């Protein structure tokens, strides 16, 4: 089968259009993630006496299969982080009480929760300024819990 020049041009424009759509999608996704981080920090600063500019942000849904493991990891996490929790009001209030060291925010209080966060777990790592997926989030929290354990025993 012989390909003509108009068919080649048509294929080229189709591929180019798809590339443009992918780039636009990724740009919008990054913008929404950045805006989400800004809104969480604004929310924390409105409720806190001291200004927080640089903290890790954990997005967690209560019905996530890994929630039990994350619950323990967050409870033992040595630092302070913002936790955006998706779940019923009573559950969020309970976790605010359990996780007093952290800033717990109900996901419903925020207007900029990215759609692709729903039903999942994400961690914004302040050191790398990148979002970690569910597996990387679990690994990050476990590693930081282990790193802190020897220092606490020395005290």
N, C-alpha and C. Protein backbone atom coordinates (compact mmCIF):
# COMPACT_ATOMS: atom_id res chain seq x y z
N UNK A 1 0.84 -1.18 0.00
CA UNK A 1 0.00 0.00 0.00
C UNK A 1 0.89 1.24 0.00
N UNK A 2 0.57 2.12 -0.87
CA UNK A 2 1.37 3.32 -1.05
C UNK A 2 0.78 4.46 -0.21
N UNK A 3 1.64 5.15 0.54
CA UNK A 3 1.20 6.27 1.36
C UNK A 3 1.46 7.56 0.59
N UNK A 4 0.42 8.37 0.51
CA UNK A 4 0.55 9.63 -0.22
C UNK A 4 0.96 10.73 0.73
N UNK A 5 1.39 11.82 0.14
CA UNK A 5 1.84 12.96 0.93
C UNK A 5 0.73 13.52 1.82
N UNK A 6 -0.51 13.67 1.36
CA UNK A 6 -1.57 14.16 2.25
C UNK A 6 -1.81 13.23 3.44
N UNK A 7 -1.67 11.92 3.24
CA UNK A 7 -1.85 10.98 4.35
C UNK A 7 -0.74 11.15 5.38
N UNK A 8 0.46 11.36 4.92
CA UNK A 8 1.60 11.56 5.82
C UNK A 8 1.42 12.85 6.61
N UNK A 9 0.99 13.91 5.92
CA UNK A 9 0.74 15.18 6.61
C UNK A 9 -0.38 15.05 7.63
N UNK A 10 -1.41 14.34 7.27
CA UNK A 10 -2.53 14.13 8.19
C UNK A 10 -2.08 13.37 9.42
N UNK A 11 -1.28 12.34 9.24
CA UNK A 11 -0.75 11.58 10.35
C UNK A 11 0.17 12.45 11.22
N UNK A 12 1.00 13.25 10.60
CA UNK A 12 1.90 14.15 11.32
C UNK A 12 1.10 15.14 12.18
N UNK A 13 0.04 15.74 11.62
CA UNK A 13 -0.78 16.70 12.37
C UNK A 13 -1.53 16.01 13.50
N UNK A 14 -1.94 14.78 13.30
CA UNK A 14 -2.61 14.04 14.37
C UNK A 14 -1.66 13.79 15.53
N UNK A 15 -0.46 13.33 15.22
CA UNK A 15 0.54 13.07 16.26
C UNK A 15 0.92 14.38 16.97
N UNK A 16 1.08 15.43 16.22
CA UNK A 16 1.41 16.73 16.80
C UNK A 16 0.29 17.22 17.71
N UNK A 17 -0.94 17.06 17.29
CA UNK A 17 -2.09 17.45 18.12
C UNK A 17 -2.13 16.66 19.42
N UNK A 18 -1.87 15.38 19.35
CA UNK A 18 -1.84 14.56 20.56
C UNK A 18 -0.73 14.99 21.52
N UNK A 19 0.42 15.32 20.97
CA UNK A 19 1.52 15.80 21.81
C UNK A 19 1.15 17.11 22.52
N UNK A 20 0.52 18.01 21.80
CA UNK A 20 0.09 19.29 22.39
C UNK A 20 -0.91 19.03 23.52
N UNK A 21 -1.85 18.12 23.30
CA UNK A 21 -2.84 17.80 24.34
C UNK A 21 -2.18 17.21 25.58
N UNK A 22 -1.21 16.33 25.40
CA UNK A 22 -0.51 15.74 26.53
C UNK A 22 0.25 16.81 27.31
N UNK A 23 0.93 17.69 26.61
CA UNK A 23 1.68 18.77 27.27
C UNK A 23 0.74 19.69 28.03
N UNK A 24 -0.39 20.04 27.44
CA UNK A 24 -1.38 20.89 28.12
C UNK A 24 -1.93 20.19 29.36
N UNK A 25 -2.26 18.92 29.25
CA UNK A 25 -2.78 18.16 30.38
C UNK A 25 -1.77 18.16 31.54
N UNK A 26 -0.52 17.88 31.23
CA UNK A 26 0.51 17.85 32.27
C UNK A 26 0.70 19.22 32.90
N UNK A 27 0.63 20.27 32.10
CA UNK A 27 0.76 21.63 32.63
C UNK A 27 -0.37 21.97 33.58
N UNK A 28 -1.59 21.63 33.22
CA UNK A 28 -2.74 21.89 34.09
C UNK A 28 -2.63 21.07 35.37
N UNK A 29 -2.20 19.83 35.24
CA UNK A 29 -2.04 18.96 36.41
C UNK A 29 -1.01 19.55 37.38
N UNK A 30 0.13 20.00 36.87
CA UNK A 30 1.16 20.60 37.73
C UNK A 30 0.66 21.89 38.38
N UNK A 31 -0.09 22.69 37.62
CA UNK A 31 -0.63 23.94 38.17
C UNK A 31 -1.57 23.63 39.33
N UNK A 32 -2.45 22.65 39.16
CA UNK A 32 -3.40 22.30 40.22
C UNK A 32 -2.68 21.75 41.45
N UNK A 33 -1.63 20.97 41.25
CA UNK A 33 -0.86 20.46 42.38
C UNK A 33 -0.17 21.60 43.13
N UNK A 34 0.41 22.55 42.39
CA UNK A 34 1.08 23.69 43.02
C UNK A 34 0.07 24.55 43.78
N UNK A 35 -1.08 24.77 43.19
CA UNK A 35 -2.12 25.57 43.83
C UNK A 35 -2.65 24.87 45.10
N UNK A 36 -2.72 23.55 45.06
CA UNK A 36 -3.14 22.77 46.23
C UNK A 36 -2.16 22.98 47.38
N UNK A 37 -0.86 22.90 47.09
CA UNK A 37 0.16 23.11 48.12
C UNK A 37 0.02 24.51 48.71
N UNK A 38 -0.15 25.51 47.87
CA UNK A 38 -0.31 26.88 48.34
C UNK A 38 -1.54 27.01 49.23
N UNK A 39 -2.65 26.39 48.84
CA UNK A 39 -3.87 26.50 49.63
C UNK A 39 -3.73 25.82 50.99
N UNK A 40 -3.06 24.67 51.03
CA UNK A 40 -2.83 23.98 52.30
C UNK A 40 -1.98 24.85 53.21
N UNK A 41 -0.91 25.42 52.69
CA UNK A 41 -0.04 26.28 53.51
C UNK A 41 -0.79 27.52 53.99
N UNK A 42 -1.63 28.11 53.14
CA UNK A 42 -2.45 29.25 53.56
C UNK A 42 -3.39 28.86 54.68
N UNK A 43 -4.00 27.69 54.56
CA UNK A 43 -4.94 27.20 55.58
C UNK A 43 -4.21 27.00 56.92
N UNK A 44 -3.03 26.41 56.88
CA UNK A 44 -2.25 26.19 58.11
C UNK A 44 -1.85 27.52 58.72
N UNK A 45 -1.36 28.44 57.91
CA UNK A 45 -0.92 29.74 58.42
C UNK A 45 -2.06 30.54 59.01
N UNK A 46 -3.26 30.35 58.50
CA UNK A 46 -4.42 31.05 59.05
C UNK A 46 -4.78 30.51 60.44
N UNK A 47 -4.46 29.25 60.70
CA UNK A 47 -4.80 28.63 61.99
C UNK A 47 -3.64 28.61 62.98
N UNK A 48 -2.44 28.90 62.54
CA UNK A 48 -1.27 28.76 63.39
C UNK A 48 -0.68 30.12 63.74
N UNK A 49 0.01 30.16 64.88
CA UNK A 49 0.67 31.39 65.32
C UNK A 49 1.92 31.68 64.49
N UNK A 50 2.65 30.62 64.15
CA UNK A 50 3.88 30.81 63.38
C UNK A 50 3.65 30.48 61.92
N UNK A 51 4.38 31.15 61.07
CA UNK A 51 4.24 31.00 59.63
C UNK A 51 4.92 29.72 59.17
N UNK A 52 4.19 28.88 58.46
CA UNK A 52 4.72 27.63 57.93
C UNK A 52 4.85 27.78 56.42
N UNK A 53 6.07 27.69 55.93
CA UNK A 53 6.29 27.83 54.49
C UNK A 53 6.72 26.52 53.84
N UNK A 54 7.29 25.64 54.65
CA UNK A 54 7.93 24.49 54.04
C UNK A 54 7.67 23.24 54.88
N UNK A 55 6.56 22.57 54.63
CA UNK A 55 6.31 21.33 55.34
C UNK A 55 5.79 20.29 54.36
N UNK A 56 5.99 19.03 54.70
CA UNK A 56 5.49 17.95 53.86
C UNK A 56 3.97 17.92 53.98
N UNK A 57 3.32 17.52 52.90
CA UNK A 57 1.86 17.45 52.87
C UNK A 57 1.47 16.04 52.46
N UNK A 58 0.69 15.39 53.31
CA UNK A 58 0.20 14.05 53.04
C UNK A 58 -1.28 14.13 52.71
N UNK A 59 -1.65 13.60 51.55
CA UNK A 59 -3.07 13.48 51.20
C UNK A 59 -3.45 12.03 51.41
N UNK A 60 -4.45 11.79 52.25
CA UNK A 60 -4.80 10.43 52.64
C UNK A 60 -6.31 10.27 52.71
N UNK A 61 -6.82 9.19 52.14
CA UNK A 61 -8.24 8.87 52.21
C UNK A 61 -8.43 7.79 53.27
N UNK A 62 -9.46 7.93 54.10
CA UNK A 62 -9.67 6.99 55.20
C UNK A 62 -10.01 5.58 54.70
N UNK A 63 -10.54 5.47 53.51
CA UNK A 63 -10.91 4.15 52.98
C UNK A 63 -9.79 3.54 52.13
N UNK A 64 -8.61 4.13 52.18
CA UNK A 64 -7.47 3.60 51.46
C UNK A 64 -7.06 2.26 52.10
N UNK A 65 -6.78 1.23 51.29
CA UNK A 65 -6.39 -0.07 51.85
C UNK A 65 -5.13 0.00 52.74
N UNK A 66 -4.27 0.95 52.50
CA UNK A 66 -3.04 1.07 53.28
C UNK A 66 -3.20 2.01 54.46
N UNK A 67 -4.43 2.41 54.79
CA UNK A 67 -4.62 3.41 55.84
C UNK A 67 -4.09 2.93 57.19
N UNK A 68 -4.30 1.68 57.53
CA UNK A 68 -3.86 1.19 58.84
C UNK A 68 -2.35 1.34 58.98
N UNK A 69 -1.62 0.96 57.94
CA UNK A 69 -0.16 1.10 57.96
C UNK A 69 0.23 2.58 58.05
N UNK A 70 -0.45 3.42 57.29
CA UNK A 70 -0.15 4.86 57.29
C UNK A 70 -0.49 5.49 58.63
N UNK A 71 -1.53 5.02 59.27
CA UNK A 71 -1.92 5.54 60.57
C UNK A 71 -0.77 5.38 61.56
N UNK A 72 -0.17 4.20 61.58
CA UNK A 72 0.97 3.96 62.48
C UNK A 72 2.17 4.79 62.08
N UNK A 73 2.44 4.88 60.77
CA UNK A 73 3.60 5.63 60.29
C UNK A 73 3.45 7.12 60.60
N UNK A 74 2.26 7.66 60.42
CA UNK A 74 2.03 9.09 60.71
C UNK A 74 2.14 9.34 62.21
N UNK A 75 1.60 8.44 63.01
CA UNK A 75 1.68 8.61 64.47
C UNK A 75 3.12 8.63 64.95
N UNK A 76 3.99 7.85 64.30
CA UNK A 76 5.40 7.76 64.71
C UNK A 76 6.31 8.69 63.93
N UNK A 77 5.78 9.42 62.97
CA UNK A 77 6.61 10.32 62.16
C UNK A 77 7.20 11.40 63.07
N UNK A 78 8.51 11.58 63.07
CA UNK A 78 9.15 12.47 64.03
C UNK A 78 8.91 13.96 63.79
N UNK A 79 8.69 14.34 62.55
CA UNK A 79 8.52 15.75 62.25
C UNK A 79 7.07 16.18 62.28
N UNK A 80 6.85 17.31 61.68
CA UNK A 80 5.49 17.85 61.59
C UNK A 80 5.11 17.91 60.12
N UNK A 81 3.88 17.53 59.81
CA UNK A 81 3.42 17.60 58.43
C UNK A 81 1.96 18.02 58.40
N UNK A 82 1.55 18.46 57.24
CA UNK A 82 0.14 18.77 57.01
C UNK A 82 -0.49 17.50 56.45
N UNK A 83 -1.62 17.11 57.01
CA UNK A 83 -2.32 15.92 56.54
C UNK A 83 -3.70 16.35 56.06
N UNK A 84 -3.92 16.20 54.77
CA UNK A 84 -5.24 16.47 54.20
C UNK A 84 -5.95 15.13 54.18
N UNK A 85 -6.99 15.03 54.98
CA UNK A 85 -7.66 13.75 55.20
C UNK A 85 -9.04 13.75 54.55
N UNK A 86 -9.27 12.75 53.72
CA UNK A 86 -10.56 12.58 53.08
C UNK A 86 -11.34 11.55 53.88
N UNK A 87 -12.47 11.98 54.45
CA UNK A 87 -13.27 11.07 55.26
C UNK A 87 -14.39 11.83 55.95
N UNK A 88 -15.23 11.11 56.70
CA UNK A 88 -16.34 11.76 57.42
C UNK A 88 -15.82 12.74 58.48
N UNK A 89 -16.66 13.70 58.84
CA UNK A 89 -16.27 14.73 59.82
C UNK A 89 -15.81 14.12 61.15
N UNK A 90 -16.55 13.13 61.66
CA UNK A 90 -16.19 12.53 62.94
C UNK A 90 -14.81 11.88 62.87
N UNK A 91 -14.49 11.31 61.73
CA UNK A 91 -13.20 10.65 61.55
C UNK A 91 -12.07 11.67 61.55
N UNK A 92 -12.27 12.77 60.83
CA UNK A 92 -11.26 13.83 60.76
C UNK A 92 -11.04 14.42 62.15
N UNK A 93 -12.12 14.67 62.90
CA UNK A 93 -11.98 15.20 64.27
C UNK A 93 -11.19 14.23 65.15
N UNK A 94 -11.46 12.93 65.02
CA UNK A 94 -10.75 11.92 65.79
C UNK A 94 -9.25 11.95 65.46
N UNK A 95 -8.92 12.05 64.18
CA UNK A 95 -7.51 12.05 63.78
C UNK A 95 -6.82 13.35 64.19
N UNK A 96 -7.54 14.46 64.23
CA UNK A 96 -6.94 15.71 64.74
C UNK A 96 -6.51 15.52 66.19
N UNK A 97 -7.31 14.79 66.93
CA UNK A 97 -6.99 14.52 68.33
C UNK A 97 -5.80 13.55 68.43
N UNK A 98 -5.77 12.52 67.60
CA UNK A 98 -4.68 11.52 67.64
C UNK A 98 -3.36 12.08 67.13
N UNK A 99 -3.43 12.87 66.10
CA UNK A 99 -2.22 13.38 65.44
C UNK A 99 -2.01 14.85 65.80
N UNK A 100 -1.91 15.16 67.07
CA UNK A 100 -1.80 16.56 67.52
C UNK A 100 -0.56 17.26 67.00
N UNK A 101 0.50 16.52 66.78
CA UNK A 101 1.75 17.12 66.29
C UNK A 101 1.59 17.67 64.87
N UNK A 102 0.67 17.10 64.12
CA UNK A 102 0.50 17.46 62.71
C UNK A 102 -0.69 18.40 62.52
N UNK A 103 -0.72 19.03 61.37
CA UNK A 103 -1.86 19.88 60.99
C UNK A 103 -2.81 19.02 60.17
N UNK A 104 -3.95 18.65 60.73
CA UNK A 104 -4.93 17.81 60.03
C UNK A 104 -6.02 18.71 59.47
N UNK A 105 -6.25 18.55 58.17
CA UNK A 105 -7.24 19.36 57.46
C UNK A 105 -8.20 18.42 56.72
N UNK A 106 -9.48 18.68 56.85
CA UNK A 106 -10.46 17.91 56.09
C UNK A 106 -10.37 18.31 54.62
N UNK A 107 -10.37 17.33 53.74
CA UNK A 107 -10.26 17.61 52.30
C UNK A 107 -11.39 18.51 51.82
N UNK A 108 -12.55 18.40 52.45
CA UNK A 108 -13.71 19.21 52.05
C UNK A 108 -13.50 20.70 52.32
N UNK A 109 -12.56 21.05 53.18
CA UNK A 109 -12.29 22.45 53.50
C UNK A 109 -11.49 23.15 52.40
N UNK A 110 -10.93 22.39 51.50
CA UNK A 110 -10.08 22.95 50.46
C UNK A 110 -10.80 22.96 49.12
N UNK A 111 -10.53 23.98 48.34
CA UNK A 111 -11.20 24.07 47.03
C UNK A 111 -10.33 23.53 45.90
N UNK A 112 -9.06 23.32 46.15
CA UNK A 112 -8.13 22.98 45.07
C UNK A 112 -7.60 21.55 45.13
N UNK A 113 -8.37 20.58 45.62
CA UNK A 113 -7.89 19.20 45.67
C UNK A 113 -7.87 18.65 44.24
N UNK A 114 -6.69 18.26 43.75
CA UNK A 114 -6.64 17.72 42.39
C UNK A 114 -7.45 16.44 42.26
N UNK A 115 -8.14 16.30 41.16
CA UNK A 115 -9.03 15.16 40.93
C UNK A 115 -8.27 13.84 41.01
N UNK A 116 -7.05 13.80 40.51
CA UNK A 116 -6.31 12.54 40.51
C UNK A 116 -5.84 12.12 41.91
N UNK A 117 -6.07 12.94 42.94
CA UNK A 117 -5.73 12.56 44.31
C UNK A 117 -6.82 11.71 44.94
N UNK A 118 -8.04 11.82 44.45
CA UNK A 118 -9.17 11.13 45.04
C UNK A 118 -8.91 9.63 45.13
N UNK A 119 -9.30 9.03 46.25
CA UNK A 119 -9.18 7.59 46.48
C UNK A 119 -7.74 7.11 46.58
N UNK A 120 -6.80 7.97 46.85
CA UNK A 120 -5.41 7.55 46.84
C UNK A 120 -4.63 8.15 48.00
N UNK A 121 -3.34 8.06 47.90
CA UNK A 121 -2.45 8.61 48.91
C UNK A 121 -1.27 9.25 48.18
N UNK A 122 -0.97 10.48 48.51
CA UNK A 122 0.12 11.22 47.88
C UNK A 122 0.86 11.97 48.99
N UNK A 123 2.16 12.15 48.80
CA UNK A 123 2.95 12.93 49.75
C UNK A 123 3.77 13.94 48.99
N UNK A 124 3.62 15.21 49.38
CA UNK A 124 4.46 16.27 48.82
C UNK A 124 5.68 16.35 49.71
N UNK A 125 6.81 15.98 49.16
CA UNK A 125 8.07 15.96 49.91
C UNK A 125 8.73 17.32 49.82
N UNK A 126 8.92 17.97 50.95
CA UNK A 126 9.45 19.33 50.94
C UNK A 126 10.90 19.40 50.47
N UNK A 127 11.68 18.34 50.71
CA UNK A 127 13.08 18.37 50.30
C UNK A 127 13.22 18.35 48.77
N UNK A 128 12.44 17.50 48.13
CA UNK A 128 12.56 17.35 46.68
C UNK A 128 11.58 18.22 45.91
N UNK A 129 10.57 18.75 46.61
CA UNK A 129 9.50 19.53 45.99
C UNK A 129 8.77 18.71 44.91
N UNK A 130 8.60 17.42 45.20
CA UNK A 130 7.92 16.53 44.27
C UNK A 130 6.86 15.73 45.01
N UNK A 131 5.88 15.25 44.25
CA UNK A 131 4.83 14.39 44.79
C UNK A 131 5.27 12.94 44.69
N UNK A 132 5.08 12.21 45.77
CA UNK A 132 5.38 10.78 45.80
C UNK A 132 4.07 10.01 45.72
N UNK A 133 4.08 8.91 44.99
CA UNK A 133 2.91 8.06 44.88
C UNK A 133 2.73 7.21 46.13
N UNK A 134 1.72 6.33 46.13
CA UNK A 134 1.42 5.53 47.32
C UNK A 134 2.58 4.68 47.83
N UNK A 135 3.26 3.97 46.94
CA UNK A 135 4.36 3.11 47.38
C UNK A 135 5.52 3.93 47.92
N UNK A 136 5.86 5.02 47.22
CA UNK A 136 6.96 5.87 47.67
C UNK A 136 6.63 6.57 48.98
N UNK A 137 5.36 6.92 49.16
CA UNK A 137 4.92 7.57 50.40
C UNK A 137 5.12 6.63 51.59
N UNK A 138 4.67 5.39 51.44
CA UNK A 138 4.82 4.42 52.52
C UNK A 138 6.30 4.20 52.84
N UNK A 139 7.13 4.09 51.82
CA UNK A 139 8.57 3.89 52.02
C UNK A 139 9.19 5.10 52.72
N UNK A 140 8.83 6.30 52.28
CA UNK A 140 9.36 7.54 52.86
C UNK A 140 9.03 7.62 54.36
N UNK A 141 7.77 7.35 54.71
CA UNK A 141 7.37 7.45 56.12
C UNK A 141 8.05 6.37 56.96
N UNK A 142 8.18 5.15 56.42
CA UNK A 142 8.87 4.09 57.16
C UNK A 142 10.33 4.44 57.39
N UNK A 143 11.00 4.95 56.35
CA UNK A 143 12.42 5.30 56.48
C UNK A 143 12.63 6.42 57.49
N UNK A 144 11.78 7.42 57.48
CA UNK A 144 11.95 8.53 58.42
C UNK A 144 11.62 8.12 59.84
N UNK A 145 10.71 7.18 59.99
CA UNK A 145 10.41 6.65 61.32
C UNK A 145 11.63 5.91 61.86
N UNK A 146 12.29 5.12 61.00
CA UNK A 146 13.48 4.36 61.40
C UNK A 146 14.65 5.28 61.69
N UNK A 147 14.80 6.34 60.91
CA UNK A 147 15.91 7.26 61.12
C UNK A 147 15.81 7.97 62.46
N UNK A 148 14.61 8.24 62.91
CA UNK A 148 14.42 8.99 64.14
C UNK A 148 14.56 8.10 65.38
N UNK A 149 14.25 6.82 65.24
CA UNK A 149 14.24 5.93 66.39
C UNK A 149 15.56 5.92 67.19
N UNK A 150 16.75 5.80 66.55
CA UNK A 150 18.00 5.80 67.34
C UNK A 150 18.23 7.11 68.07
N UNK A 151 17.86 8.24 67.47
CA UNK A 151 18.06 9.55 68.12
C UNK A 151 17.20 9.68 69.35
N UNK A 152 15.96 9.15 69.29
CA UNK A 152 15.08 9.27 70.44
C UNK A 152 15.57 8.42 71.60
N UNK A 153 16.14 7.25 71.29
CA UNK A 153 16.61 6.38 72.37
C UNK A 153 17.84 6.95 73.06
N UNK A 154 18.59 7.80 72.37
CA UNK A 154 19.79 8.40 72.96
C UNK A 154 19.43 9.47 73.97
N UNK A 155 18.22 10.00 73.87
CA UNK A 155 17.83 11.10 74.78
C UNK A 155 17.53 10.62 76.16
